[in-house]
Structure formats: C-alpha cells, structure tokens
Amino acid sequence: MKRLSAAIWIVALCAVACGAKSVGPSAVRIHDGDEAELKDCTFLQKVEGTASASDSQAEIHAKHDAKAQAAAIGATDIKWIVPCCTYVEADAYRCDAPDLARLDD
C-alpha cells in the first residue's frame, strides 16, 4: 500500500510539472511585429510552438513555446504566421543587430 501511494505522488508531481508552462524572462522580451516594423530586421528562422488540445490556454502556451525558441536563437521580434490554437508558427527576427550581408560591402 505504501508503494502505491508513493507511485501516485510521483505521477501527480510529474503531471503538475509537465502542465505548468510559464514563459521565461528572455521570451517575455520578444516583441510581436508586423511587416512594416520588421523590414530592416534580420530574419533568423521559423519557430513553432505546440500545446495540448485539452489545455484551456493552449494558444497562450503554444505562443510561449515559440517565443522561448525565438529567444534561444537570439531573436528580438516575432511575426506570427499561424497564430492560433494548439499549433503556432512564426518567423523570428533580430532587429538590433547589423545586417551581416551589408557588412561585406
């Protein structure tokens, strides 16, 4: 009986830890931009985020996931391509760095 209750606690803790998605401090600084704002920025790559369909805040958690990926590659801004629901996709940009192509001139 003692072993069963320990297993239940472990499963419960894992469920809470896996479900507790919060946005990291670097991802909070990612700005949502549009075409006009991003014209002078450097495109880095596409990022994506996912969340469970049973998540009542799936869109928020999926966007946090994508912004965390963008922050990890040094992005400052993001432009949403697929902005809704359990799957989101965006282009990540760096807007405070010089364009590397122009440095070669």
N, C-alpha and C. Protein backbone atom coordinates (compact mmCIF):
# COMPACT_ATOMS: atom_id res chain seq x y z
N MET A 1 0.82 -1.19 0.00
CA MET A 1 0.00 0.00 0.00
C MET A 1 0.88 1.27 0.00
N LYS A 2 1.96 1.26 0.77
CA LYS A 2 2.85 2.40 0.84
C LYS A 2 3.51 2.67 -0.51
N ARG A 3 3.85 1.61 -1.21
CA ARG A 3 4.47 1.74 -2.52
C ARG A 3 3.49 2.35 -3.52
N LEU A 4 2.22 1.99 -3.45
CA LEU A 4 1.22 2.52 -4.36
C LEU A 4 1.03 4.02 -4.13
N SER A 5 0.98 4.47 -2.88
CA SER A 5 0.78 5.90 -2.64
C SER A 5 2.00 6.70 -3.10
N ALA A 6 3.19 6.14 -2.97
CA ALA A 6 4.39 6.82 -3.47
C ALA A 6 4.33 6.97 -4.99
N ALA A 7 3.87 5.93 -5.67
CA ALA A 7 3.74 5.98 -7.13
C ALA A 7 2.71 7.02 -7.54
N ILE A 8 1.64 7.13 -6.80
CA ILE A 8 0.61 8.12 -7.10
C ILE A 8 1.17 9.53 -6.95
N TRP A 9 1.96 9.77 -5.90
CA TRP A 9 2.57 11.08 -5.70
C TRP A 9 3.53 11.43 -6.82
N ILE A 10 4.30 10.46 -7.25
CA ILE A 10 5.26 10.69 -8.34
C ILE A 10 4.52 11.06 -9.62
N VAL A 11 3.47 10.32 -9.94
CA VAL A 11 2.68 10.61 -11.14
C VAL A 11 2.03 11.99 -11.03
N ALA A 12 1.51 12.31 -9.87
CA ALA A 12 0.86 13.62 -9.67
C ALA A 12 1.87 14.75 -9.83
N LEU A 13 3.06 14.61 -9.25
CA LEU A 13 4.08 15.64 -9.38
C LEU A 13 4.53 15.82 -10.83
N CYS A 14 4.67 14.72 -11.54
CA CYS A 14 5.05 14.81 -12.96
C CYS A 14 3.97 15.52 -13.77
N ALA A 15 2.71 15.22 -13.48
CA ALA A 15 1.61 15.85 -14.20
C ALA A 15 1.59 17.36 -13.96
N VAL A 16 1.82 17.76 -12.73
CA VAL A 16 1.85 19.19 -12.40
C VAL A 16 3.04 19.86 -13.06
N ALA A 17 4.20 19.24 -13.00
CA ALA A 17 5.40 19.83 -13.59
C ALA A 17 5.27 19.95 -15.10
N CYS A 18 4.70 18.95 -15.75
CA CYS A 18 4.57 18.99 -17.20
C CYS A 18 3.50 19.99 -17.64
N GLY A 19 2.51 20.20 -16.83
CA GLY A 19 1.43 21.11 -17.19
C GLY A 19 1.71 22.55 -16.85
N ALA A 20 2.70 22.81 -16.04
CA ALA A 20 2.98 24.18 -15.61
C ALA A 20 3.93 24.85 -16.59
N LYS A 21 3.36 25.47 -17.62
CA LYS A 21 4.18 26.15 -18.61
C LYS A 21 4.15 27.64 -18.31
N SER A 22 5.30 28.20 -18.09
CA SER A 22 5.38 29.64 -17.94
C SER A 22 6.44 30.15 -18.90
N VAL A 23 6.27 31.37 -19.29
CA VAL A 23 7.21 31.95 -20.25
C VAL A 23 8.44 32.44 -19.49
N GLY A 24 9.60 32.17 -20.06
CA GLY A 24 10.85 32.58 -19.43
C GLY A 24 11.10 34.07 -19.61
N PRO A 25 12.02 34.61 -18.83
CA PRO A 25 12.28 36.05 -18.89
C PRO A 25 12.78 36.53 -20.25
N SER A 26 13.55 35.74 -20.96
CA SER A 26 14.03 36.17 -22.27
C SER A 26 12.90 36.13 -23.30
N ALA A 27 11.99 35.19 -23.17
CA ALA A 27 10.87 35.10 -24.11
C ALA A 27 9.88 36.24 -23.91
N VAL A 28 9.80 36.78 -22.70
CA VAL A 28 8.91 37.91 -22.42
C VAL A 28 9.33 39.12 -23.24
N ARG A 29 10.62 39.26 -23.50
CA ARG A 29 11.14 40.42 -24.23
C ARG A 29 10.95 40.33 -25.75
N ILE A 30 10.45 39.21 -26.25
CA ILE A 30 10.21 39.08 -27.69
C ILE A 30 9.00 39.92 -28.07
N HIS A 31 9.19 40.83 -29.01
CA HIS A 31 8.15 41.75 -29.45
C HIS A 31 7.38 41.15 -30.62
N ASP A 32 6.06 41.27 -30.62
CA ASP A 32 5.24 40.87 -31.76
C ASP A 32 5.30 41.99 -32.80
N GLY A 33 5.82 41.69 -33.99
CA GLY A 33 5.98 42.71 -35.02
C GLY A 33 5.15 42.42 -36.25
N ASP A 34 5.09 43.40 -37.13
CA ASP A 34 4.42 43.22 -38.43
C ASP A 34 5.41 43.54 -39.55
N GLU A 35 4.97 43.40 -40.78
CA GLU A 35 5.85 43.58 -41.95
C GLU A 35 6.58 44.93 -41.91
N ALA A 36 5.85 45.99 -41.62
CA ALA A 36 6.45 47.33 -41.65
C ALA A 36 7.53 47.48 -40.58
N GLU A 37 7.29 46.95 -39.40
CA GLU A 37 8.25 47.07 -38.30
C GLU A 37 9.49 46.22 -38.53
N LEU A 38 9.36 45.15 -39.28
CA LEU A 38 10.44 44.18 -39.42
C LEU A 38 11.24 44.33 -40.72
N LYS A 39 10.94 45.33 -41.53
CA LYS A 39 11.60 45.45 -42.85
C LYS A 39 13.10 45.63 -42.75
N ASP A 40 13.60 46.26 -41.69
CA ASP A 40 15.04 46.47 -41.54
C ASP A 40 15.69 45.46 -40.59
N CYS A 41 14.96 44.44 -40.22
CA CYS A 41 15.46 43.43 -39.29
C CYS A 41 16.05 42.25 -40.04
N THR A 42 16.84 41.45 -39.34
CA THR A 42 17.45 40.26 -39.92
C THR A 42 16.61 39.04 -39.59
N PHE A 43 16.14 38.35 -40.63
CA PHE A 43 15.38 37.11 -40.44
C PHE A 43 16.32 36.03 -39.91
N LEU A 44 15.91 35.31 -38.87
CA LEU A 44 16.73 34.24 -38.32
C LEU A 44 16.23 32.88 -38.78
N GLN A 45 15.00 32.53 -38.42
CA GLN A 45 14.42 31.25 -38.84
C GLN A 45 12.97 31.17 -38.38
N LYS A 46 12.28 30.15 -38.86
CA LYS A 46 10.91 29.89 -38.41
C LYS A 46 10.98 29.20 -37.05
N VAL A 47 10.00 29.51 -36.20
CA VAL A 47 9.86 28.84 -34.91
C VAL A 47 8.42 28.37 -34.80
N GLU A 48 8.21 27.40 -33.94
CA GLU A 48 6.85 26.89 -33.75
C GLU A 48 6.63 26.54 -32.29
N GLY A 49 5.37 26.47 -31.93
CA GLY A 49 5.02 26.09 -30.57
C GLY A 49 3.78 25.22 -30.60
N THR A 50 3.69 24.34 -29.63
CA THR A 50 2.53 23.45 -29.54
C THR A 50 2.02 23.40 -28.11
N ALA A 51 0.78 23.00 -27.99
CA ALA A 51 0.16 22.79 -26.68
C ALA A 51 -0.89 21.70 -26.82
N SER A 52 -1.25 21.13 -25.73
CA SER A 52 -2.24 20.05 -25.72
C SER A 52 -3.62 20.58 -26.07
N ALA A 53 -4.37 19.80 -26.81
CA ALA A 53 -5.73 20.18 -27.17
C ALA A 53 -6.63 20.27 -25.93
N SER A 54 -6.27 19.59 -24.88
CA SER A 54 -7.07 19.64 -23.65
C SER A 54 -6.70 20.83 -22.76
N ASP A 55 -5.69 21.59 -23.16
CA ASP A 55 -5.23 22.75 -22.40
C ASP A 55 -6.22 23.90 -22.62
N SER A 56 -6.75 24.45 -21.54
CA SER A 56 -7.72 25.55 -21.67
C SER A 56 -7.06 26.84 -22.16
N GLN A 57 -5.73 26.93 -22.07
CA GLN A 57 -4.99 28.09 -22.55
C GLN A 57 -3.97 27.67 -23.60
N ALA A 58 -4.40 26.80 -24.50
CA ALA A 58 -3.49 26.21 -25.49
C ALA A 58 -2.78 27.26 -26.34
N GLU A 59 -3.50 28.26 -26.81
CA GLU A 59 -2.88 29.27 -27.66
C GLU A 59 -1.80 30.04 -26.92
N ILE A 60 -2.05 30.41 -25.69
CA ILE A 60 -1.06 31.14 -24.88
C ILE A 60 0.17 30.29 -24.66
N HIS A 61 -0.02 29.02 -24.30
CA HIS A 61 1.11 28.14 -24.02
C HIS A 61 1.91 27.83 -25.30
N ALA A 62 1.21 27.66 -26.42
CA ALA A 62 1.91 27.41 -27.68
C ALA A 62 2.74 28.62 -28.08
N LYS A 63 2.20 29.83 -27.88
CA LYS A 63 2.95 31.04 -28.20
C LYS A 63 4.14 31.21 -27.27
N HIS A 64 3.99 30.86 -26.01
CA HIS A 64 5.13 30.91 -25.08
C HIS A 64 6.23 29.97 -25.55
N ASP A 65 5.84 28.80 -26.03
CA ASP A 65 6.80 27.82 -26.53
C ASP A 65 7.57 28.38 -27.73
N ALA A 66 6.85 28.99 -28.67
CA ALA A 66 7.50 29.57 -29.85
C ALA A 66 8.40 30.74 -29.47
N LYS A 67 7.95 31.58 -28.54
CA LYS A 67 8.77 32.72 -28.12
C LYS A 67 10.02 32.26 -27.38
N ALA A 68 9.93 31.17 -26.64
CA ALA A 68 11.12 30.63 -25.97
C ALA A 68 12.13 30.15 -27.01
N GLN A 69 11.66 29.51 -28.09
CA GLN A 69 12.56 29.08 -29.17
C GLN A 69 13.20 30.30 -29.82
N ALA A 70 12.42 31.34 -30.06
CA ALA A 70 12.94 32.55 -30.69
C ALA A 70 14.00 33.20 -29.79
N ALA A 71 13.74 33.27 -28.50
CA ALA A 71 14.70 33.85 -27.57
C ALA A 71 16.00 33.05 -27.55
N ALA A 72 15.89 31.74 -27.65
CA ALA A 72 17.06 30.88 -27.60
C ALA A 72 18.01 31.10 -28.79
N ILE A 73 17.47 31.58 -29.91
CA ILE A 73 18.33 31.82 -31.09
C ILE A 73 18.71 33.30 -31.22
N GLY A 74 18.35 34.10 -30.22
CA GLY A 74 18.76 35.50 -30.22
C GLY A 74 17.79 36.45 -30.90
N ALA A 75 16.56 36.04 -31.11
CA ALA A 75 15.58 36.91 -31.75
C ALA A 75 15.15 38.02 -30.80
N THR A 76 14.73 39.11 -31.38
CA THR A 76 14.16 40.22 -30.60
C THR A 76 12.69 40.42 -30.94
N ASP A 77 12.30 39.96 -32.13
CA ASP A 77 10.94 40.15 -32.61
C ASP A 77 10.44 38.88 -33.29
N ILE A 78 9.11 38.81 -33.40
CA ILE A 78 8.49 37.63 -33.99
C ILE A 78 7.28 38.08 -34.81
N LYS A 79 7.07 37.45 -35.96
CA LYS A 79 5.89 37.73 -36.79
C LYS A 79 5.10 36.43 -36.92
N TRP A 80 3.87 36.43 -36.43
CA TRP A 80 3.05 35.22 -36.42
C TRP A 80 2.57 34.88 -37.82
N ILE A 81 2.72 33.61 -38.19
CA ILE A 81 2.23 33.10 -39.47
C ILE A 81 0.95 32.30 -39.21
N VAL A 82 1.03 31.38 -38.25
CA VAL A 82 -0.12 30.60 -37.80
C VAL A 82 -0.29 30.97 -36.32
N PRO A 83 -1.17 31.93 -36.02
CA PRO A 83 -1.21 32.49 -34.67
C PRO A 83 -2.23 31.87 -33.72
N CYS A 84 -2.78 30.73 -34.05
CA CYS A 84 -3.89 30.28 -33.21
C CYS A 84 -3.82 28.81 -32.82
N CYS A 85 -4.36 28.60 -31.70
CA CYS A 85 -4.79 27.31 -31.19
C CYS A 85 -3.65 26.45 -30.65
N THR A 86 -3.67 25.15 -30.93
CA THR A 86 -2.69 24.26 -30.31
C THR A 86 -1.35 24.23 -31.04
N TYR A 87 -1.30 24.79 -32.26
CA TYR A 87 -0.06 24.86 -33.03
C TYR A 87 0.09 26.28 -33.54
N VAL A 88 1.23 26.89 -33.27
CA VAL A 88 1.52 28.23 -33.80
C VAL A 88 2.85 28.19 -34.52
N GLU A 89 3.00 29.10 -35.48
CA GLU A 89 4.24 29.18 -36.25
C GLU A 89 4.54 30.66 -36.48
N ALA A 90 5.82 31.01 -36.44
CA ALA A 90 6.20 32.40 -36.62
C ALA A 90 7.59 32.50 -37.23
N ASP A 91 7.87 33.67 -37.82
CA ASP A 91 9.21 34.00 -38.27
C ASP A 91 9.89 34.78 -37.16
N ALA A 92 11.11 34.40 -36.82
CA ALA A 92 11.87 35.08 -35.77
C ALA A 92 12.89 36.02 -36.41
N TYR A 93 13.00 37.22 -35.87
CA TYR A 93 13.88 38.26 -36.39
C TYR A 93 14.76 38.84 -35.29
N ARG A 94 15.89 39.37 -35.69
CA ARG A 94 16.75 40.15 -34.78
C ARG A 94 16.79 41.57 -35.33
N CYS A 95 16.31 42.51 -34.53
CA CYS A 95 16.16 43.88 -35.01
C CYS A 95 17.20 44.85 -34.47
N ASP A 96 18.07 44.41 -33.61
CA ASP A 96 19.08 45.33 -33.08
C ASP A 96 20.49 44.97 -33.52
N ALA A 97 20.61 44.09 -34.49
CA ALA A 97 21.93 43.68 -34.97
C ALA A 97 22.08 44.16 -36.41
N PRO A 98 23.29 44.51 -36.83
CA PRO A 98 23.50 44.93 -38.22
C PRO A 98 23.27 43.76 -39.17
N ASP A 99 22.81 44.09 -40.35
CA ASP A 99 22.62 43.09 -41.38
C ASP A 99 24.00 42.59 -41.83
N LEU A 100 24.26 41.31 -41.67
CA LEU A 100 25.56 40.75 -41.98
C LEU A 100 25.91 40.88 -43.46
N ALA A 101 24.92 40.84 -44.33
CA ALA A 101 25.17 40.97 -45.77
C ALA A 101 25.72 42.36 -46.10
N ARG A 102 25.27 43.39 -45.39
CA ARG A 102 25.73 44.75 -45.65
C ARG A 102 27.15 44.98 -45.15
N LEU A 103 27.60 44.19 -44.19
CA LEU A 103 28.94 44.36 -43.64
C LEU A 103 30.02 43.95 -44.64
N ASP A 104 29.66 43.08 -45.60
CA ASP A 104 30.62 42.60 -46.58
C ASP A 104 30.90 43.64 -47.66
N ASP A 105 30.06 44.65 -47.79
CA ASP A 105 30.22 45.67 -48.85
C ASP A 105 31.37 46.58 -48.60
